[in-house]
């Protein structure tokens, strides 16, 4: 989806425009929360994240969506807290864990390897997927 691509590129305006174009509902709320994290309005970003957490991750994959927002913010502790909630709930993150660029920024965190082991996944070192930081570094080199 365009909103996710814009977030990976660090394009705050494009991410917000693409997120706003999504039909009303929790998918839009999640996309807007991610988009706002990379913009300059910290108050709006905090409010969007608070709306998600107030809804307790409403809908399938909700806890995973919140974990992704915290990962984008660089908050490893909150990321793993919400990944634990995902694990205890619908386990949505398992399918995306080893190639989600937002989560992969924490691949060297011991909690990442522990999650992989608990889920029966290969260790994070086995993933060739790039983290958000690696993607942005490569895009910057090409620019």
N, C-alpha and C. Protein backbone atom coordinates (compact mmCIF):
# COMPACT_ATOMS: atom_id res chain seq x y z
N UNK A 1 0.83 -1.17 0.00
CA UNK A 1 0.00 0.00 0.00
C UNK A 1 0.88 1.24 0.00
N UNK A 2 0.38 2.30 -0.56
CA UNK A 2 1.17 3.52 -0.75
C UNK A 2 1.57 4.20 0.55
N UNK A 3 0.71 4.12 1.52
CA UNK A 3 1.01 4.73 2.81
C UNK A 3 2.25 4.09 3.44
N UNK A 4 2.32 2.76 3.40
CA UNK A 4 3.46 2.05 3.98
C UNK A 4 4.75 2.39 3.24
N UNK A 5 4.67 2.45 1.93
CA UNK A 5 5.84 2.78 1.14
C UNK A 5 6.32 4.19 1.45
N UNK A 6 5.40 5.11 1.57
CA UNK A 6 5.77 6.49 1.89
C UNK A 6 6.41 6.57 3.28
N UNK A 7 5.91 5.78 4.24
CA UNK A 7 6.50 5.75 5.57
C UNK A 7 7.94 5.25 5.48
N UNK A 8 8.15 4.18 4.74
CA UNK A 8 9.50 3.63 4.59
C UNK A 8 10.45 4.64 3.95
N UNK A 9 9.94 5.41 3.04
CA UNK A 9 10.76 6.43 2.37
C UNK A 9 10.96 7.67 3.23
N UNK A 10 10.20 7.78 4.30
CA UNK A 10 10.29 8.97 5.15
C UNK A 10 9.51 10.15 4.59
N UNK A 11 8.56 9.88 3.70
CA UNK A 11 7.74 10.91 3.07
C UNK A 11 6.49 11.13 3.90
N UNK A 12 6.55 12.05 4.85
CA UNK A 12 5.46 12.27 5.79
C UNK A 12 4.19 12.74 5.08
N UNK A 13 4.31 13.69 4.17
CA UNK A 13 3.12 14.21 3.48
C UNK A 13 2.47 13.12 2.62
N UNK A 14 3.28 12.37 1.89
CA UNK A 14 2.75 11.30 1.06
C UNK A 14 2.10 10.20 1.88
N UNK A 15 2.71 9.87 3.01
CA UNK A 15 2.16 8.83 3.88
C UNK A 15 0.81 9.26 4.44
N UNK A 16 0.72 10.52 4.87
CA UNK A 16 -0.53 11.00 5.44
C UNK A 16 -1.62 11.10 4.37
N UNK A 17 -1.27 11.55 3.19
CA UNK A 17 -2.25 11.64 2.10
C UNK A 17 -2.77 10.25 1.73
N UNK A 18 -1.87 9.29 1.63
CA UNK A 18 -2.28 7.93 1.27
C UNK A 18 -3.12 7.31 2.39
N UNK A 19 -2.75 7.57 3.63
CA UNK A 19 -3.51 7.02 4.77
C UNK A 19 -4.91 7.62 4.81
N UNK A 20 -5.01 8.90 4.55
CA UNK A 20 -6.30 9.58 4.58
C UNK A 20 -7.22 9.08 3.48
N UNK A 21 -6.65 8.59 2.39
CA UNK A 21 -7.45 8.08 1.27
C UNK A 21 -8.06 6.70 1.56
N UNK A 22 -7.60 6.03 2.60
CA UNK A 22 -8.14 4.72 2.96
C UNK A 22 -9.53 4.91 3.56
N UNK A 23 -10.44 4.00 3.26
CA UNK A 23 -11.80 4.07 3.80
C UNK A 23 -11.76 4.15 5.32
N UNK A 24 -12.76 4.82 5.89
CA UNK A 24 -12.85 4.96 7.34
C UNK A 24 -12.77 3.59 8.02
N UNK A 25 -12.21 3.56 9.18
CA UNK A 25 -12.14 2.32 9.94
C UNK A 25 -10.77 2.15 10.58
N UNK A 26 -10.57 0.97 11.21
CA UNK A 26 -9.32 0.78 11.95
C UNK A 26 -8.10 0.71 11.03
N UNK A 27 -8.25 0.27 9.77
CA UNK A 27 -7.10 0.24 8.88
C UNK A 27 -6.61 1.67 8.60
N UNK A 28 -7.55 2.57 8.43
CA UNK A 28 -7.20 3.98 8.21
C UNK A 28 -6.54 4.56 9.46
N UNK A 29 -7.11 4.27 10.62
CA UNK A 29 -6.55 4.78 11.87
C UNK A 29 -5.11 4.30 12.05
N UNK A 30 -4.86 3.04 11.71
CA UNK A 30 -3.51 2.49 11.85
C UNK A 30 -2.54 3.16 10.87
N UNK A 31 -2.97 3.33 9.64
CA UNK A 31 -2.12 3.96 8.63
C UNK A 31 -1.84 5.42 9.00
N UNK A 32 -2.85 6.12 9.48
CA UNK A 32 -2.65 7.53 9.89
C UNK A 32 -1.70 7.61 11.09
N UNK A 33 -1.85 6.69 12.02
CA UNK A 33 -0.96 6.70 13.19
C UNK A 33 0.49 6.53 12.77
N UNK A 34 0.74 5.61 11.84
CA UNK A 34 2.11 5.43 11.33
C UNK A 34 2.58 6.68 10.60
N UNK A 35 1.75 7.21 9.72
CA UNK A 35 2.13 8.37 8.93
C UNK A 35 2.46 9.57 9.82
N UNK A 36 1.68 9.77 10.84
CA UNK A 36 1.90 10.93 11.71
C UNK A 36 3.19 10.81 12.52
N UNK A 37 3.68 9.61 12.71
CA UNK A 37 4.91 9.44 13.49
C UNK A 37 6.12 10.04 12.79
N UNK A 38 6.08 10.13 11.48
CA UNK A 38 7.25 10.64 10.75
C UNK A 38 7.10 12.10 10.37
N UNK A 39 5.97 12.70 10.72
CA UNK A 39 5.75 14.11 10.44
C UNK A 39 6.30 14.98 11.56
N UNK A 40 6.09 16.26 11.44
CA UNK A 40 6.63 17.21 12.41
C UNK A 40 5.69 17.53 13.56
N UNK A 41 4.47 17.02 13.53
CA UNK A 41 3.49 17.35 14.56
C UNK A 41 3.46 16.24 15.62
N UNK A 42 4.30 16.37 16.62
CA UNK A 42 4.42 15.35 17.67
C UNK A 42 3.11 15.20 18.44
N UNK A 43 2.39 16.30 18.63
CA UNK A 43 1.12 16.23 19.36
C UNK A 43 0.11 15.37 18.59
N UNK A 44 0.02 15.55 17.29
CA UNK A 44 -0.89 14.75 16.46
C UNK A 44 -0.45 13.28 16.45
N UNK A 45 0.86 13.06 16.39
CA UNK A 45 1.39 11.69 16.40
C UNK A 45 1.05 10.99 17.71
N UNK A 46 1.25 11.69 18.82
CA UNK A 46 0.93 11.13 20.14
C UNK A 46 -0.57 10.84 20.25
N UNK A 47 -1.40 11.76 19.75
CA UNK A 47 -2.86 11.59 19.83
C UNK A 47 -3.30 10.38 18.99
N UNK A 48 -2.73 10.21 17.82
CA UNK A 48 -3.09 9.08 16.95
C UNK A 48 -2.70 7.76 17.62
N UNK A 49 -1.53 7.71 18.22
CA UNK A 49 -1.10 6.51 18.93
C UNK A 49 -2.01 6.26 20.14
N UNK A 50 -2.37 7.31 20.84
CA UNK A 50 -3.25 7.16 22.00
C UNK A 50 -4.61 6.60 21.59
N UNK A 51 -5.14 7.04 20.44
CA UNK A 51 -6.42 6.50 19.95
C UNK A 51 -6.31 5.00 19.70
N UNK A 52 -5.18 4.58 19.13
CA UNK A 52 -4.99 3.15 18.90
C UNK A 52 -4.92 2.37 20.20
N UNK A 53 -4.15 2.87 21.14
CA UNK A 53 -4.00 2.15 22.40
C UNK A 53 -5.29 2.18 23.22
N UNK A 54 -6.05 3.28 23.13
CA UNK A 54 -7.34 3.34 23.83
C UNK A 54 -8.28 2.27 23.30
N UNK A 55 -8.17 1.99 22.00
CA UNK A 55 -9.01 0.96 21.38
C UNK A 55 -8.47 -0.43 21.66
N UNK A 56 -7.33 -0.51 22.37
CA UNK A 56 -6.69 -1.78 22.74
C UNK A 56 -6.41 -2.64 21.51
N UNK A 57 -6.03 -1.99 20.42
CA UNK A 57 -5.70 -2.76 19.23
C UNK A 57 -6.91 -3.37 18.58
N UNK A 58 -8.02 -2.65 18.59
CA UNK A 58 -9.28 -3.13 18.01
C UNK A 58 -9.08 -3.77 16.64
N UNK A 59 -9.71 -4.90 16.44
CA UNK A 59 -9.64 -5.59 15.17
C UNK A 59 -8.46 -6.54 15.09
N UNK A 60 -8.52 -7.42 14.11
CA UNK A 60 -7.46 -8.40 13.90
C UNK A 60 -6.13 -7.68 13.66
N UNK A 61 -5.11 -8.11 14.35
CA UNK A 61 -3.78 -7.53 14.18
C UNK A 61 -3.61 -6.18 14.86
N UNK A 62 -4.52 -5.81 15.72
CA UNK A 62 -4.45 -4.50 16.37
C UNK A 62 -3.23 -4.31 17.24
N UNK A 63 -2.89 -5.30 18.05
CA UNK A 63 -1.72 -5.17 18.92
C UNK A 63 -0.45 -5.09 18.07
N UNK A 64 -0.41 -5.84 16.99
CA UNK A 64 0.72 -5.78 16.06
C UNK A 64 0.83 -4.38 15.45
N UNK A 65 -0.30 -3.79 15.09
CA UNK A 65 -0.29 -2.45 14.52
C UNK A 65 0.30 -1.44 15.50
N UNK A 66 -0.06 -1.58 16.77
CA UNK A 66 0.47 -0.68 17.79
C UNK A 66 1.97 -0.92 17.98
N UNK A 67 2.38 -2.17 17.97
CA UNK A 67 3.80 -2.50 18.07
C UNK A 67 4.58 -1.84 16.94
N UNK A 68 4.02 -1.83 15.74
CA UNK A 68 4.69 -1.23 14.58
C UNK A 68 4.85 0.28 14.76
N UNK A 69 3.85 0.93 15.34
CA UNK A 69 3.95 2.37 15.59
C UNK A 69 5.07 2.65 16.58
N UNK A 70 5.11 1.86 17.65
CA UNK A 70 6.19 2.05 18.63
C UNK A 70 7.55 1.74 18.01
N UNK A 71 7.60 0.75 17.13
CA UNK A 71 8.87 0.44 16.46
C UNK A 71 9.31 1.61 15.59
N UNK A 72 8.38 2.22 14.88
CA UNK A 72 8.71 3.38 14.06
C UNK A 72 9.22 4.52 14.93
N UNK A 73 8.69 4.64 16.11
CA UNK A 73 9.15 5.67 17.06
C UNK A 73 10.51 5.32 17.67
N UNK A 74 10.93 4.08 17.50
CA UNK A 74 12.21 3.65 18.06
C UNK A 74 12.13 3.20 19.50
N UNK A 75 10.94 2.92 19.99
CA UNK A 75 10.73 2.51 21.38
C UNK A 75 10.68 0.99 21.46
N UNK A 76 11.83 0.38 21.70
CA UNK A 76 11.93 -1.08 21.73
C UNK A 76 11.08 -1.68 22.85
N UNK A 77 11.10 -1.08 24.03
CA UNK A 77 10.36 -1.65 25.15
C UNK A 77 8.86 -1.73 24.85
N UNK A 78 8.30 -0.64 24.36
CA UNK A 78 6.86 -0.64 24.04
C UNK A 78 6.58 -1.55 22.85
N UNK A 79 7.49 -1.61 21.90
CA UNK A 79 7.31 -2.50 20.75
C UNK A 79 7.16 -3.93 21.23
N UNK A 80 8.07 -4.38 22.07
CA UNK A 80 8.02 -5.77 22.54
C UNK A 80 6.86 -6.00 23.52
N UNK A 81 6.46 -4.98 24.24
CA UNK A 81 5.28 -5.10 25.10
C UNK A 81 4.04 -5.40 24.25
N UNK A 82 3.88 -4.66 23.16
CA UNK A 82 2.71 -4.86 22.30
C UNK A 82 2.84 -6.13 21.46
N UNK A 83 4.04 -6.54 21.14
CA UNK A 83 4.21 -7.83 20.46
C UNK A 83 3.80 -8.97 21.39
N UNK A 84 4.07 -8.83 22.67
CA UNK A 84 3.63 -9.83 23.64
C UNK A 84 2.10 -9.87 23.70
N UNK A 85 1.48 -8.70 23.64
CA UNK A 85 0.01 -8.65 23.63
C UNK A 85 -0.52 -9.33 22.37
N UNK A 86 0.16 -9.11 21.26
CA UNK A 86 -0.22 -9.78 20.01
C UNK A 86 -0.10 -11.30 20.18
N UNK A 87 1.01 -11.73 20.74
CA UNK A 87 1.24 -13.16 20.95
C UNK A 87 0.13 -13.76 21.82
N UNK A 88 -0.24 -13.04 22.88
CA UNK A 88 -1.29 -13.51 23.79
C UNK A 88 -2.67 -13.45 23.15
N UNK A 89 -2.80 -12.66 22.10
CA UNK A 89 -4.09 -12.50 21.43
C UNK A 89 -4.17 -13.32 20.16
N UNK A 90 -4.21 -12.64 19.02
CA UNK A 90 -4.42 -13.35 17.76
C UNK A 90 -3.14 -13.78 17.06
N UNK A 91 -1.96 -13.37 17.56
CA UNK A 91 -0.70 -13.82 16.98
C UNK A 91 -0.48 -13.36 15.55
N UNK A 92 -1.07 -12.26 15.18
CA UNK A 92 -1.00 -11.74 13.82
C UNK A 92 0.44 -11.46 13.37
N UNK A 93 1.27 -10.99 14.29
CA UNK A 93 2.64 -10.59 13.95
C UNK A 93 3.51 -11.73 13.46
N UNK A 94 3.22 -12.93 13.86
CA UNK A 94 4.06 -14.08 13.51
C UNK A 94 4.29 -14.17 12.01
N UNK A 95 3.26 -13.92 11.23
CA UNK A 95 3.36 -14.05 9.78
C UNK A 95 4.26 -12.98 9.15
N UNK A 96 4.49 -11.89 9.85
CA UNK A 96 5.23 -10.75 9.28
C UNK A 96 6.55 -10.46 9.99
N UNK A 97 6.78 -11.14 11.08
CA UNK A 97 7.86 -10.78 12.00
C UNK A 97 9.23 -10.68 11.33
N UNK A 98 9.60 -11.65 10.52
CA UNK A 98 10.96 -11.68 9.97
C UNK A 98 11.16 -10.84 8.71
N UNK A 99 10.11 -10.15 8.27
CA UNK A 99 10.35 -9.27 7.14
C UNK A 99 9.68 -7.90 7.29
N UNK A 100 9.22 -7.58 8.47
CA UNK A 100 8.65 -6.26 8.71
C UNK A 100 9.81 -5.29 8.98
N UNK A 101 10.04 -4.33 8.10
CA UNK A 101 11.18 -3.43 8.27
C UNK A 101 11.12 -2.60 9.55
N UNK A 102 9.93 -2.33 10.04
CA UNK A 102 9.83 -1.56 11.27
C UNK A 102 10.30 -2.38 12.46
N UNK A 103 9.92 -3.65 12.49
CA UNK A 103 10.35 -4.52 13.58
C UNK A 103 11.82 -4.91 13.45
N UNK A 104 12.27 -5.10 12.23
CA UNK A 104 13.65 -5.56 12.01
C UNK A 104 14.70 -4.57 12.49
N UNK A 105 14.32 -3.36 12.76
CA UNK A 105 15.30 -2.43 13.32
C UNK A 105 15.77 -2.89 14.70
N UNK A 106 15.01 -3.83 15.30
CA UNK A 106 15.37 -4.39 16.61
C UNK A 106 15.88 -5.82 16.52
N UNK A 107 16.31 -6.24 15.35
CA UNK A 107 16.73 -7.64 15.17
C UNK A 107 17.90 -8.03 16.08
N UNK A 108 18.68 -7.08 16.55
CA UNK A 108 19.80 -7.40 17.45
C UNK A 108 19.40 -7.39 18.92
N UNK A 109 18.16 -7.06 19.19
CA UNK A 109 17.65 -7.08 20.56
C UNK A 109 17.39 -8.54 20.93
N UNK A 110 17.85 -8.99 22.08
CA UNK A 110 17.63 -10.40 22.47
C UNK A 110 16.15 -10.79 22.51
N UNK A 111 15.27 -9.84 22.74
CA UNK A 111 13.83 -10.15 22.77
C UNK A 111 13.34 -10.55 21.38
N UNK A 112 13.98 -10.05 20.35
CA UNK A 112 13.60 -10.41 18.98
C UNK A 112 13.90 -11.90 18.76
N UNK A 113 15.10 -12.31 19.11
CA UNK A 113 15.49 -13.73 18.95
C UNK A 113 14.61 -14.63 19.82
N UNK A 114 14.28 -14.17 21.03
CA UNK A 114 13.42 -14.96 21.92
C UNK A 114 12.03 -15.13 21.31
N UNK A 115 11.51 -14.08 20.70
CA UNK A 115 10.20 -14.16 20.05
C UNK A 115 10.25 -15.17 18.90
N UNK A 116 11.31 -15.08 18.10
CA UNK A 116 11.45 -16.02 16.99
C UNK A 116 11.48 -17.46 17.49
N UNK A 117 12.25 -17.69 18.53
CA UNK A 117 12.36 -19.04 19.07
C UNK A 117 11.00 -19.53 19.59
N UNK A 118 10.31 -18.69 20.33
CA UNK A 118 9.00 -19.06 20.88
C UNK A 118 8.01 -19.36 19.76
N UNK A 119 8.10 -18.61 18.67
CA UNK A 119 7.16 -18.80 17.55
C UNK A 119 7.57 -19.92 16.61
N UNK A 120 8.75 -20.50 16.84
CA UNK A 120 9.24 -21.55 15.95
C UNK A 120 9.77 -21.01 14.63
N UNK A 121 10.21 -19.76 14.64
CA UNK A 121 10.78 -19.12 13.46
C UNK A 121 12.29 -19.23 13.49
N UNK A 122 12.94 -19.10 12.35
CA UNK A 122 14.39 -19.07 12.36
C UNK A 122 14.88 -17.81 13.09
N UNK A 123 16.12 -17.78 13.49
CA UNK A 123 16.64 -16.60 14.19
C UNK A 123 16.62 -15.38 13.27
N UNK A 124 16.60 -14.19 13.87
CA UNK A 124 16.54 -12.97 13.06
C UNK A 124 17.71 -12.83 12.08
N UNK A 125 18.83 -13.43 12.40
CA UNK A 125 19.99 -13.36 11.49
C UNK A 125 19.72 -14.10 10.18
N UNK A 126 18.72 -14.97 10.17
CA UNK A 126 18.39 -15.72 8.95
C UNK A 126 17.58 -14.88 7.96
N UNK A 127 17.01 -13.79 8.43
CA UNK A 127 16.21 -12.93 7.55
C UNK A 127 17.11 -12.02 6.74
N UNK A 128 16.90 -12.02 5.44
CA UNK A 128 17.65 -11.12 4.57
C UNK A 128 16.90 -9.82 4.33
N UNK A 129 15.72 -9.69 4.92
CA UNK A 129 14.92 -8.48 4.76
C UNK A 129 15.64 -7.31 5.42
N UNK A 130 15.44 -6.14 4.87
CA UNK A 130 16.08 -4.94 5.38
C UNK A 130 15.21 -4.28 6.44
N UNK A 131 15.86 -3.67 7.41
CA UNK A 131 15.14 -2.90 8.41
C UNK A 131 14.86 -1.51 7.84
N UNK A 132 14.01 -0.77 8.52
CA UNK A 132 13.70 0.59 8.12
C UNK A 132 14.97 1.42 7.99
N UNK A 133 15.85 1.30 8.95
CA UNK A 133 17.09 2.07 8.93
C UNK A 133 17.96 1.71 7.73
N UNK A 134 18.01 0.42 7.40
CA UNK A 134 18.80 -0.03 6.24
C UNK A 134 18.16 0.45 4.93
N UNK A 135 16.85 0.42 4.84
CA UNK A 135 16.16 0.91 3.65
C UNK A 135 16.45 2.38 3.44
N UNK A 136 16.28 3.17 4.49
CA UNK A 136 16.51 4.61 4.38
C UNK A 136 17.96 4.93 4.05
N UNK A 137 18.89 4.16 4.60
CA UNK A 137 20.30 4.39 4.29
C UNK A 137 20.58 4.12 2.81
N UNK A 138 19.99 3.08 2.29
CA UNK A 138 20.21 2.75 0.86
C UNK A 138 19.55 3.76 -0.05
N UNK A 139 18.37 4.24 0.32
CA UNK A 139 17.70 5.26 -0.47
C UNK A 139 18.51 6.56 -0.46
N UNK A 140 19.07 6.90 0.69
CA UNK A 140 19.87 8.12 0.80
C UNK A 140 21.12 8.03 -0.06
N UNK A 141 21.74 6.87 -0.15
CA UNK A 141 22.95 6.69 -0.97
C UNK A 141 22.63 6.89 -2.44
N UNK A 142 21.44 6.43 -2.86
CA UNK A 142 21.05 6.55 -4.26
C UNK A 142 20.66 7.97 -4.63
N UNK A 143 20.27 8.76 -3.66
CA UNK A 143 19.80 10.13 -3.94
C UNK A 143 20.92 11.08 -4.25
